[in-house]
Amino acid sequence: MKNLIALVRDHSGSMSYIANDARADYNNTISTIRDASQANSQETFISVVNCGIRDVSVLDDNYRNYHHQHRREISIAEQNVHIKDIKPLSVYPATGRSTPLFASTLEAIKLLENSSVSKGEDVSYLVLVTTDGEENVNPELGQQLAQKIAELQATDLWTFVFRVPRGKSTILAKMGIPVGNIFEWEQTKKGVEVSTRANTTAFTSYFDARSKGITSSRSFYANLEDVSVKEVASQLTEITDPIKILPVSVYDTGKKIREFVEEKIGRKMLKGAAFYQLVKTEDVVQA
């Protein structure tokens, strides 16, 4: 089982005032992916595309595969490198004058599509784009990118994830990115920290899902952290009447839930339609 992941990093000048935080966020993402990959016995290969970068003199060893493209300000930092060989960033340059977001994302897709490590294997593909702005170089590429994303998502092997400023998710949703795969973040130190935590949780869940055979996600950032009790209550439906309660007697102790339910209802149990209360401590509870 293999995972090919492409990370698109925004290195435009507007990132300069949170560059250290962005560096920490990237390093944490790499660490999370490495830990989750090892924990689930999966091979993971990383590609990194720099979006909006121009001064090669400030780049460190992490940019050894640098290929400068003057007009687009795009470079490839890593190309299908095993996660164990990815080194943390020591510097996060923010030198670009623009944000060629769509072209950078297309570049990331091309890296994964052309990867030699994916041939003949159980592989999933994930593209994560992080930016503090929006496309401001080639907006006309939006339609091409949307078509490509739709084509790849239809294979159920590709996951597209975007972290964008507040208010920018609408454009991406219209391009076909699932709302659950878009995370809006504040361009502050605190905002980066919140986004980093969300990424940690999301990647951990993603690798857990992969271990169960799931190959893509449309709810990468699904969580209830910012949902109030009132909001949840307003969406609830009363289900008391259609639900049947089956008391468990002492004579039923030790029976498997399926065996118990099928004895009571006289037919096959529909998976996911029977629920029970945990009454003892469990060392491990599945997601």
C-alpha atoms as a PDB file:
ATOM      1  CA  MET A   1       0.000   0.000   0.000  1.00  0.00           C
ATOM      2  CA  LYS A   2       1.467   3.335  -1.085  1.00  0.00           C
ATOM      3  CA  ASN A   3       0.559   6.992  -0.718  1.00  0.00           C
ATOM      4  CA  LEU A   4       1.801   9.703  -3.046  1.00  0.00           C
ATOM      5  CA  ILE A   5       1.436  13.145  -1.507  1.00  0.00           C
ATOM      6  CA  ALA A   6       2.197  16.510  -3.097  1.00  0.00           C
ATOM      7  CA  LEU A   7       2.498  19.608  -0.917  1.00  0.00           C
ATOM      8  CA  VAL A   8       2.145  23.017  -2.568  1.00  0.00           C
ATOM      9  CA  ARG A   9       3.718  25.735  -0.401  1.00  0.00           C
ATOM     10  CA  ASP A  10       3.083  29.448  -0.842  1.00  0.00           C
ATOM     11  CA  HIS A  11       6.372  31.389  -0.837  1.00  0.00           C
ATOM     12  CA  SER A  12       4.988  34.718  -2.028  1.00  0.00           C
ATOM     13  CA  GLY A  13       6.109  37.895  -0.251  1.00  0.00           C
ATOM     14  CA  SER A  14       2.898  38.157   1.762  1.00  0.00           C
ATOM     15  CA  MET A  15       3.985  35.054   3.696  1.00  0.00           C
ATOM     16  CA  SER A  16       7.092  36.784   5.027  1.00  0.00           C
ATOM     17  CA  TYR A  17       5.609  37.909   8.351  1.00  0.00           C
ATOM     18  CA  ILE A  18       4.564  34.338   9.245  1.00  0.00           C
ATOM     19  CA  ALA A  19       7.476  32.587   7.517  1.00  0.00           C
ATOM     20  CA  ASN A  20       8.824  31.013  10.713  1.00  0.00           C
ATOM     21  CA  ASP A  21       5.379  29.738  11.606  1.00  0.00           C
ATOM     22  CA  ALA A  22       4.917  28.392   8.064  1.00  0.00           C
ATOM     23  CA  ARG A  23       8.260  26.579   8.363  1.00  0.00           C
ATOM     24  CA  ALA A  24       7.148  25.000  11.658  1.00  0.00           C
ATOM     25  CA  ASP A  25       3.808  24.046  10.093  1.00  0.00           C
ATOM     26  CA  TYR A  26       5.518  22.310   7.154  1.00  0.00           C
ATOM     27  CA  ASN A  27       7.936  20.461   9.432  1.00  0.00           C
ATOM     28  CA  ASN A  28       5.060  19.329  11.630  1.00  0.00           C
ATOM     29  CA  THR A  29       3.133  18.105   8.582  1.00  0.00           C
ATOM     30  CA  ILE A  30       6.120  16.042   7.449  1.00  0.00           C
ATOM     31  CA  SER A  31       6.557  14.635  10.957  1.00  0.00           C
ATOM     32  CA  THR A  32       2.848  13.748  11.180  1.00  0.00           C
ATOM     33  CA  ILE A  33       2.884  12.026   7.788  1.00  0.00           C
ATOM     34  CA  ARG A  34       6.021  10.084   8.723  1.00  0.00           C
ATOM     35  CA  ASP A  35       4.567   8.916  12.045  1.00  0.00           C
ATOM     36  CA  ALA A  36       1.179   7.988  10.565  1.00  0.00           C
ATOM     37  CA  SER A  37       2.810   6.189   7.657  1.00  0.00           C
ATOM     38  CA  GLN A  38       4.992   4.113   9.978  1.00  0.00           C
ATOM     39  CA  ALA A  39       2.158   3.405  12.407  1.00  0.00           C
ATOM     40  CA  ASN A  40       0.029   2.002   9.581  1.00  0.00           C
ATOM     41  CA  SER A  41       2.885   0.194   7.780  1.00  0.00           C
ATOM     42  CA  GLN A  42       2.396   2.199   4.596  1.00  0.00           C
ATOM     43  CA  GLU A  43       4.951   3.565   2.151  1.00  0.00           C
ATOM     44  CA  THR A  44       4.630   7.271   1.465  1.00  0.00           C
ATOM     45  CA  PHE A  45       6.375   9.414  -1.108  1.00  0.00           C
ATOM     46  CA  ILE A  46       6.444  13.207  -0.959  1.00  0.00           C
ATOM     47  CA  SER A  47       6.646  15.837  -3.685  1.00  0.00           C
ATOM     48  CA  VAL A  48       6.874  19.543  -2.882  1.00  0.00           C
ATOM     49  CA  VAL A  49       6.063  22.439  -5.196  1.00  0.00           C
ATOM     50  CA  ASN A  50       7.080  25.984  -4.269  1.00  0.00           C
ATOM     51  CA  CYS A  51       4.507  28.539  -5.377  1.00  0.00           C
ATOM     52  CA  GLY A  52       5.626  32.155  -5.780  1.00  0.00           C
ATOM     53  CA  ILE A  53       9.373  31.916  -5.158  1.00  0.00           C
ATOM     54  CA  ARG A  54      12.179  33.636  -7.035  1.00  0.00           C
ATOM     55  CA  ASP A  55      15.485  34.129  -5.203  1.00  0.00           C
ATOM     56  CA  VAL A  56      17.578  30.947  -5.476  1.00  0.00           C
ATOM     57  CA  SER A  57      20.336  32.449  -3.287  1.00  0.00           C
ATOM     58  CA  VAL A  58      18.290  32.079  -0.089  1.00  0.00           C
ATOM     59  CA  LEU A  59      17.408  28.432  -0.625  1.00  0.00           C
ATOM     60  CA  ASP A  60      18.946  25.704   1.530  1.00  0.00           C
ATOM     61  CA  ASP A  61      19.638  22.014   0.814  1.00  0.00           C
ATOM     62  CA  ASN A  62      15.940  21.211   0.808  1.00  0.00           C
ATOM     63  CA  TYR A  63      15.749  22.945  -2.574  1.00  0.00           C
ATOM     64  CA  ARG A  64      18.431  20.948  -4.357  1.00  0.00           C
ATOM     65  CA  ASN A  65      16.020  20.100  -7.191  1.00  0.00           C
ATOM     66  CA  TYR A  66      15.256  23.764  -7.792  1.00  0.00           C
ATOM     67  CA  HIS A  67      14.130  24.569 -11.353  1.00  0.00           C
ATOM     68  CA  HIS A  68      13.401  28.266 -11.696  1.00  0.00           C
ATOM     69  CA  GLN A  69      10.680  29.316 -14.106  1.00  0.00           C
ATOM     70  CA  HIS A  70      10.853  33.095 -14.293  1.00  0.00           C
ATOM     71  CA  ARG A  71       7.325  33.973 -15.299  1.00  0.00           C
ATOM     72  CA  ARG A  72       5.449  31.496 -13.168  1.00  0.00           C
ATOM     73  CA  GLU A  73       7.677  31.614 -10.070  1.00  0.00           C
ATOM     74  CA  ILE A  74       7.282  27.886  -9.538  1.00  0.00           C
ATOM     75  CA  SER A  75       9.929  25.370  -8.490  1.00  0.00           C
ATOM     76  CA  ILE A  76      10.099  21.729  -7.488  1.00  0.00           C
ATOM     77  CA  ALA A  77      11.683  21.202  -4.079  1.00  0.00           C
ATOM     78  CA  GLU A  78      11.095  17.446  -3.737  1.00  0.00           C
ATOM     79  CA  GLN A  79       9.989  14.916  -6.315  1.00  0.00           C
ATOM     80  CA  ASN A  80       8.576  11.577  -5.116  1.00  0.00           C
ATOM     81  CA  VAL A  81      11.011  11.242  -2.200  1.00  0.00           C
ATOM     82  CA  HIS A  82      10.357   8.578   0.434  1.00  0.00           C
ATOM     83  CA  ILE A  83       8.995  10.170   3.602  1.00  0.00           C
ATOM     84  CA  LYS A  84      11.896   8.847   5.690  1.00  0.00           C
ATOM     85  CA  ASP A  85      14.313  10.834   3.521  1.00  0.00           C
ATOM     86  CA  ILE A  86      12.511  14.186   3.741  1.00  0.00           C
ATOM     87  CA  LYS A  87      14.475  16.651   5.872  1.00  0.00           C
ATOM     88  CA  PRO A  88      12.882  19.475   7.867  1.00  0.00           C
ATOM     89  CA  LEU A  89      13.134  23.034   6.578  1.00  0.00           C
ATOM     90  CA  SER A  90      15.655  25.318   8.239  1.00  0.00           C
ATOM     91  CA  VAL A  91      14.430  28.409   6.401  1.00  0.00           C
ATOM     92  CA  TYR A  92      11.158  29.411   4.728  1.00  0.00           C
ATOM     93  CA  PRO A  93      11.872  32.034   2.065  1.00  0.00           C
ATOM     94  CA  ALA A  94       8.973  34.309   1.118  1.00  0.00           C
ATOM     95  CA  THR A  95      10.397  36.063  -1.909  1.00  0.00           C
ATOM     96  CA  GLY A  96       7.808  35.825  -4.670  1.00  0.00           C
ATOM     97  CA  ARG A  97       5.942  38.737  -6.205  1.00  0.00           C
ATOM     98  CA  SER A  98       2.889  36.710  -7.175  1.00  0.00           C
ATOM     99  CA  THR A  99       0.847  33.576  -6.393  1.00  0.00           C
ATOM    100  CA  PRO A 100       0.556  31.246  -9.402  1.00  0.00           C
ATOM    101  CA  LEU A 101      -1.684  28.901  -7.429  1.00  0.00           C
ATOM    102  CA  PHE A 102      -3.432  27.102 -10.296  1.00  0.00           C
ATOM    103  CA  ALA A 103      -0.231  26.458 -12.251  1.00  0.00           C
ATOM    104  CA  SER A 104       1.472  25.210  -9.068  1.00  0.00           C
ATOM    105  CA  THR A 105      -1.370  22.784  -8.377  1.00  0.00           C
ATOM    106  CA  LEU A 106      -1.266  21.484 -11.950  1.00  0.00           C
ATOM    107  CA  GLU A 107       2.497  21.017 -11.542  1.00  0.00           C
ATOM    108  CA  ALA A 108       1.883  18.985  -8.374  1.00  0.00           C
ATOM    109  CA  ILE A 109      -0.651  16.793 -10.184  1.00  0.00           C
ATOM    110  CA  LYS A 110       1.822  16.178 -12.998  1.00  0.00           C
ATOM    111  CA  LEU A 111       4.505  15.078 -10.526  1.00  0.00           C
ATOM    112  CA  LEU A 112       2.212  12.467  -9.021  1.00  0.00           C
ATOM    113  CA  GLU A 113       0.823  11.279 -12.354  1.00  0.00           C
ATOM    114  CA  ASN A 114       4.318  10.772 -13.770  1.00  0.00           C
ATOM    115  CA  SER A 115       5.719   9.071 -10.694  1.00  0.00           C
ATOM    116  CA  SER A 116       7.515   5.799 -11.351  1.00  0.00           C
ATOM    117  CA  VAL A 117       6.961   4.508  -7.796  1.00  0.00           C
ATOM    118  CA  SER A 118       3.191   4.109  -8.267  1.00  0.00           C
ATOM    119  CA  LYS A 119       3.174   1.579 -11.061  1.00  0.00           C
ATOM    120  CA  GLY A 120       1.254  -1.605 -10.351  1.00  0.00           C
ATOM    121  CA  GLU A 121       0.633  -0.833  -6.700  1.00  0.00           C
ATOM    122  CA  ASP A 122      -2.289  -0.070  -4.378  1.00  0.00           C
ATOM    123  CA  VAL A 123      -1.783   3.690  -4.486  1.00  0.00           C
ATOM    124  CA  SER A 124      -3.694   6.756  -3.373  1.00  0.00           C
ATOM    125  CA  TYR A 125      -2.858  10.336  -4.312  1.00  0.00           C
ATOM    126  CA  LEU A 126      -3.247  13.462  -2.200  1.00  0.00           C
ATOM    127  CA  VAL A 127      -2.531  17.085  -3.101  1.00  0.00           C
ATOM    128  CA  LEU A 128      -2.423  19.626  -0.262  1.00  0.00           C
ATOM    129  CA  VAL A 129      -2.223  23.317  -1.184  1.00  0.00           C
ATOM    130  CA  THR A 130      -1.475  25.941   1.474  1.00  0.00           C
ATOM    131  CA  THR A 131      -1.721  29.659   0.694  1.00  0.00           C
ATOM    132  CA  ASP A 132      -2.377  32.987   2.382  1.00  0.00           C
ATOM    133  CA  GLY A 133      -3.878  34.447  -0.788  1.00  0.00           C
ATOM    134  CA  GLU A 134      -5.405  33.367  -4.084  1.00  0.00           C
ATOM    135  CA  GLU A 135      -4.507  32.889  -7.736  1.00  0.00           C
ATOM    136  CA  ASN A 136      -3.278  36.190  -9.198  1.00  0.00           C
ATOM    137  CA  VAL A 137      -1.214  35.177 -12.240  1.00  0.00           C
ATOM    138  CA  ASN A 138      -3.189  32.847 -14.503  1.00  0.00           C
ATOM    139  CA  PRO A 139      -6.848  32.816 -13.409  1.00  0.00           C
ATOM    140  CA  GLU A 140      -7.753  31.423 -16.826  1.00  0.00           C
ATOM    141  CA  LEU A 141      -6.184  28.129 -15.708  1.00  0.00           C
ATOM    142  CA  GLY A 142      -9.047  27.716 -13.234  1.00  0.00           C
ATOM    143  CA  GLN A 143     -11.267  25.907 -15.703  1.00  0.00           C
ATOM    144  CA  GLN A 144      -8.480  23.575 -16.783  1.00  0.00           C
ATOM    145  CA  LEU A 145      -7.651  22.786 -13.158  1.00  0.00           C
ATOM    146  CA  ALA A 146     -11.308  22.195 -12.269  1.00  0.00           C
ATOM    147  CA  GLN A 147     -11.686  19.757 -15.167  1.00  0.00           C
ATOM    148  CA  LYS A 148      -8.534  17.909 -14.157  1.00  0.00           C
ATOM    149  CA  ILE A 149      -9.636  17.676 -10.523  1.00  0.00           C
ATOM    150  CA  ALA A 150     -13.068  16.357 -11.547  1.00  0.00           C
ATOM    151  CA  GLU A 151     -11.448  13.741 -13.771  1.00  0.00           C
ATOM    152  CA  LEU A 152      -9.092  12.540 -11.032  1.00  0.00           C
ATOM    153  CA  GLN A 153     -11.626  12.616  -8.193  1.00  0.00           C
ATOM    154  CA  ALA A 154     -13.880  10.393 -10.306  1.00  0.00           C
ATOM    155  CA  THR A 155     -11.266   7.607 -10.050  1.00  0.00           C
ATOM    156  CA  ASP A 156     -11.752   7.559  -6.245  1.00  0.00           C
ATOM    157  CA  LEU A 157      -7.961   7.513  -5.890  1.00  0.00           C
ATOM    158  CA  TRP A 158      -7.284  11.248  -5.572  1.00  0.00           C
ATOM    159  CA  THR A 159      -7.847  13.662  -2.675  1.00  0.00           C
ATOM    160  CA  PHE A 160      -7.501  17.430  -3.104  1.00  0.00           C
ATOM    161  CA  VAL A 161      -7.096  19.574   0.005  1.00  0.00           C
ATOM    162  CA  PHE A 162      -6.762  23.352   0.283  1.00  0.00           C
ATOM    163  CA  ARG A 163      -5.879  25.623   3.207  1.00  0.00           C
ATOM    164  CA  VAL A 164      -6.900  29.158   2.282  1.00  0.00           C
ATOM    165  CA  PRO A 165      -7.741  32.503   3.936  1.00  0.00           C
ATOM    166  CA  ARG A 166     -11.219  33.073   5.314  1.00  0.00           C
ATOM    167  CA  GLY A 167     -13.756  33.781   2.597  1.00  0.00           C
ATOM    168  CA  LYS A 168     -11.765  32.076  -0.175  1.00  0.00           C
ATOM    169  CA  SER A 169     -13.397  28.651   0.014  1.00  0.00           C
ATOM    170  CA  THR A 170     -16.356  29.589  -2.207  1.00  0.00           C
ATOM    171  CA  ILE A 171     -14.205  29.788  -5.334  1.00  0.00           C
ATOM    172  CA  LEU A 172     -12.657  26.394  -4.648  1.00  0.00           C
ATOM    173  CA  ALA A 173     -16.021  24.790  -3.909  1.00  0.00           C
ATOM    174  CA  LYS A 174     -17.267  26.006  -7.293  1.00  0.00           C
ATOM    175  CA  MET A 175     -14.222  24.318  -8.849  1.00  0.00           C
ATOM    176  CA  GLY A 176     -15.321  20.988  -7.416  1.00  0.00           C
ATOM    177  CA  ILE A 177     -13.241  20.798  -4.236  1.00  0.00           C
ATOM    178  CA  PRO A 178     -15.334  19.111  -1.505  1.00  0.00           C
ATOM    179  CA  VAL A 179     -16.191  21.565   1.277  1.00  0.00           C
ATOM    180  CA  GLY A 180     -14.840  19.078   3.818  1.00  0.00           C
ATOM    181  CA  ASN A 181     -11.430  19.309   2.132  1.00  0.00           C
ATOM    182  CA  ILE A 182     -11.130  23.091   2.491  1.00  0.00           C
ATOM    183  CA  PHE A 183      -9.766  24.670   5.664  1.00  0.00           C
ATOM    184  CA  GLU A 184      -9.978  28.441   6.126  1.00  0.00           C
ATOM    185  CA  TRP A 185      -7.215  29.831   8.333  1.00  0.00           C
ATOM    186  CA  GLU A 186      -6.230  33.178   9.801  1.00  0.00           C
ATOM    187  CA  GLN A 187      -2.907  34.616   8.614  1.00  0.00           C
ATOM    188  CA  THR A 188      -1.523  35.005  12.148  1.00  0.00           C
ATOM    189  CA  LYS A 189       0.723  32.957  14.410  1.00  0.00           C
ATOM    190  CA  LYS A 190      -2.350  31.671  16.224  1.00  0.00           C
ATOM    191  CA  GLY A 191      -4.073  30.938  12.926  1.00  0.00           C
ATOM    192  CA  VAL A 192      -1.133  28.862  11.728  1.00  0.00           C
ATOM    193  CA  GLU A 193      -1.140  26.904  14.997  1.00  0.00           C
ATOM    194  CA  VAL A 194      -4.849  26.104  14.625  1.00  0.00           C
ATOM    195  CA  SER A 195      -4.294  25.043  11.014  1.00  0.00           C
ATOM    196  CA  THR A 196      -1.358  22.856  12.042  1.00  0.00           C
ATOM    197  CA  ARG A 197      -3.485  21.045  14.627  1.00  0.00           C
ATOM    198  CA  ALA A 198      -6.209  20.493  12.042  1.00  0.00           C
ATOM    199  CA  ASN A 199      -3.634  19.046   9.637  1.00  0.00           C
ATOM    200  CA  THR A 200      -2.257  16.700  12.285  1.00  0.00           C
ATOM    201  CA  THR A 201      -5.708  15.311  13.058  1.00  0.00           C
ATOM    202  CA  ALA A 202      -6.662  15.081   9.382  1.00  0.00           C
ATOM    203  CA  PHE A 203      -3.552  13.230   8.238  1.00  0.00           C
ATOM    204  CA  THR A 204      -3.749  10.807  11.158  1.00  0.00           C
ATOM    205  CA  SER A 205      -7.343   9.989  10.183  1.00  0.00           C
ATOM    206  CA  TYR A 206      -6.422   9.783   6.497  1.00  0.00           C
ATOM    207  CA  PHE A 207      -3.759   7.128   7.069  1.00  0.00           C
ATOM    208  CA  ASP A 208      -6.067   5.205   9.377  1.00  0.00           C
ATOM    209  CA  ALA A 209      -8.706   5.198   6.631  1.00  0.00           C
ATOM    210  CA  ARG A 210      -6.126   4.044   4.090  1.00  0.00           C
ATOM    211  CA  SER A 211      -5.314   1.061   6.289  1.00  0.00           C
ATOM    212  CA  LYS A 212      -8.982   0.066   5.967  1.00  0.00           C
ATOM    213  CA  GLY A 213      -8.828   0.191   2.172  1.00  0.00           C
ATOM    214  CA  ILE A 214     -10.242   3.682   1.630  1.00  0.00           C
ATOM    215  CA  THR A 215      -8.451   5.425  -1.237  1.00  0.00           C
ATOM    216  CA  SER A 216      -9.734   9.003  -1.138  1.00  0.00           C
ATOM    217  CA  SER A 217     -11.432  11.513   1.143  1.00  0.00           C
ATOM    218  CA  ARG A 218     -14.055  14.194   0.677  1.00  0.00           C
ATOM    219  CA  SER A 219     -14.150  15.102   4.362  1.00  0.00           C
ATOM    220  CA  PHE A 220     -10.457  15.511   5.126  1.00  0.00           C
ATOM    221  CA  TYR A 221     -10.986  18.243   7.746  1.00  0.00           C
ATOM    222  CA  ALA A 222     -14.242  16.930   9.178  1.00  0.00           C
ATOM    223  CA  ASN A 223     -14.471  17.855  12.867  1.00  0.00           C
ATOM    224  CA  LEU A 224     -16.975  19.406  15.278  1.00  0.00           C
ATOM    225  CA  GLU A 225     -14.561  21.694  17.096  1.00  0.00           C
ATOM    226  CA  ASP A 226     -16.278  24.903  15.989  1.00  0.00           C
ATOM    227  CA  VAL A 227     -19.860  23.605  16.026  1.00  0.00           C
ATOM    228  CA  SER A 228     -22.068  24.689  18.922  1.00  0.00           C
ATOM    229  CA  VAL A 229     -24.522  22.449  20.777  1.00  0.00           C
ATOM    230  CA  LYS A 230     -27.345  24.721  19.592  1.00  0.00           C
ATOM    231  CA  GLU A 231     -26.316  24.272  15.938  1.00  0.00           C
ATOM    232  CA  VAL A 232     -26.209  20.501  16.309  1.00  0.00           C
ATOM    233  CA  ALA A 233     -29.568  20.377  18.128  1.00  0.00           C
ATOM    234  CA  SER A 234     -31.237  22.391  15.368  1.00  0.00           C
ATOM    235  CA  GLN A 235     -30.301  19.692  12.836  1.00  0.00           C
ATOM    236  CA  LEU A 236     -31.400  16.673  14.882  1.00  0.00           C
ATOM    237  CA  THR A 237     -34.406  14.500  13.973  1.00  0.00           C
ATOM    238  CA  GLU A 238     -36.443  12.662  16.612  1.00  0.00           C
ATOM    239  CA  ILE A 239     -35.978   8.911  16.057  1.00  0.00           C
ATOM    240  CA  THR A 240     -37.384   7.426  19.262  1.00  0.00           C
ATOM    241  CA  ASP A 241     -40.413   5.775  17.619  1.00  0.00           C
ATOM    242  CA  PRO A 242     -38.630   3.842  14.844  1.00  0.00           C
ATOM    243  CA  ILE A 243     -35.892   2.626  17.207  1.00  0.00           C
ATOM    244  CA  LYS A 244     -36.308  -0.692  19.006  1.00  0.00           C
ATOM    245  CA  ILE A 245     -34.524  -1.196  22.338  1.00  0.00           C
ATOM    246  CA  LEU A 246     -33.309  -4.753  23.020  1.00  0.00           C
ATOM    247  CA  PRO A 247     -32.487  -5.274  26.715  1.00  0.00           C
ATOM    248  CA  VAL A 248     -29.558  -7.603  27.365  1.00  0.00           C
ATOM    249  CA  SER A 249     -30.280 -10.174  30.079  1.00  0.00           C
ATOM    250  CA  VAL A 250     -27.729 -12.097  32.111  1.00  0.00           C
ATOM    251  CA  TYR A 251     -28.389 -15.094  29.848  1.00  0.00           C
ATOM    252  CA  ASP A 252     -27.128 -13.091  26.861  1.00  0.00           C
ATOM    253  CA  THR A 253     -23.843 -12.104  28.474  1.00  0.00           C
ATOM    254  CA  GLY A 254     -20.878 -12.834  26.222  1.00  0.00           C
ATOM    255  CA  LYS A 255     -22.833 -13.103  22.972  1.00  0.00           C
ATOM    256  CA  LYS A 256     -21.590 -11.278  19.909  1.00  0.00           C
ATOM    257  CA  ILE A 257     -23.717  -8.275  18.959  1.00  0.00           C
ATOM    258  CA  ARG A 258     -24.684  -9.765  15.567  1.00  0.00           C
ATOM    259  CA  GLU A 259     -25.692 -13.099  17.107  1.00  0.00           C
ATOM    260  CA  PHE A 260     -27.735 -11.351  19.809  1.00  0.00           C
ATOM    261  CA  VAL A 261     -29.534  -8.973  17.444  1.00  0.00           C
ATOM    262  CA  GLU A 262     -30.385 -11.599  14.841  1.00  0.00           C
ATOM    263  CA  GLU A 263     -31.858 -13.859  17.519  1.00  0.00           C
ATOM    264  CA  LYS A 264     -34.089 -11.014  18.702  1.00  0.00           C
ATOM    265  CA  ILE A 265     -35.255  -9.687  15.328  1.00  0.00           C
ATOM    266  CA  GLY A 266     -35.410 -13.005  13.451  1.00  0.00           C
ATOM    267  CA  ARG A 267     -33.512 -11.821  10.385  1.00  0.00           C
ATOM    268  CA  LYS A 268     -30.077 -10.716   9.210  1.00  0.00           C
ATOM    269  CA  MET A 269     -28.718  -7.625  10.925  1.00  0.00           C
ATOM    270  CA  LEU A 270     -27.955  -4.668   8.696  1.00  0.00           C
ATOM    271  CA  LYS A 271     -24.382  -3.588   9.350  1.00  0.00           C
ATOM    272  CA  GLY A 272     -24.360  -0.179  11.032  1.00  0.00           C
ATOM    273  CA  ALA A 273     -27.999  -0.401  12.155  1.00  0.00           C
ATOM    274  CA  ALA A 274     -27.397  -1.794  15.641  1.00  0.00           C
ATOM    275  CA  PHE A 275     -25.663   0.134  18.423  1.00  0.00           C
ATOM    276  CA  TYR A 276     -24.646  -0.736  21.960  1.00  0.00           C
ATOM    277  CA  GLN A 277     -23.359   1.054  25.034  1.00  0.00           C
ATOM    278  CA  LEU A 278     -19.764   0.485  26.083  1.00  0.00           C
ATOM    279  CA  VAL A 279     -19.783  -0.756  29.689  1.00  0.00           C
ATOM    280  CA  LYS A 280     -16.131  -1.626  30.112  1.00  0.00           C
ATOM    281  CA  THR A 281     -12.833   0.115  29.419  1.00  0.00           C
ATOM    282  CA  GLU A 282     -11.380  -0.513  25.968  1.00  0.00           C
ATOM    283  CA  ASP A 283      -7.662  -0.099  25.274  1.00  0.00           C
ATOM    284  CA  VAL A 284      -8.349   0.730  21.640  1.00  0.00           C
ATOM    285  CA  VAL A 285     -11.533   2.096  20.106  1.00  0.00           C
ATOM    286  CA  GLN A 286     -11.777   2.288  16.327  1.00  0.00           C
ATOM    287  CA  ALA A 287     -12.326   5.660  14.656  1.00  0.00           C
END
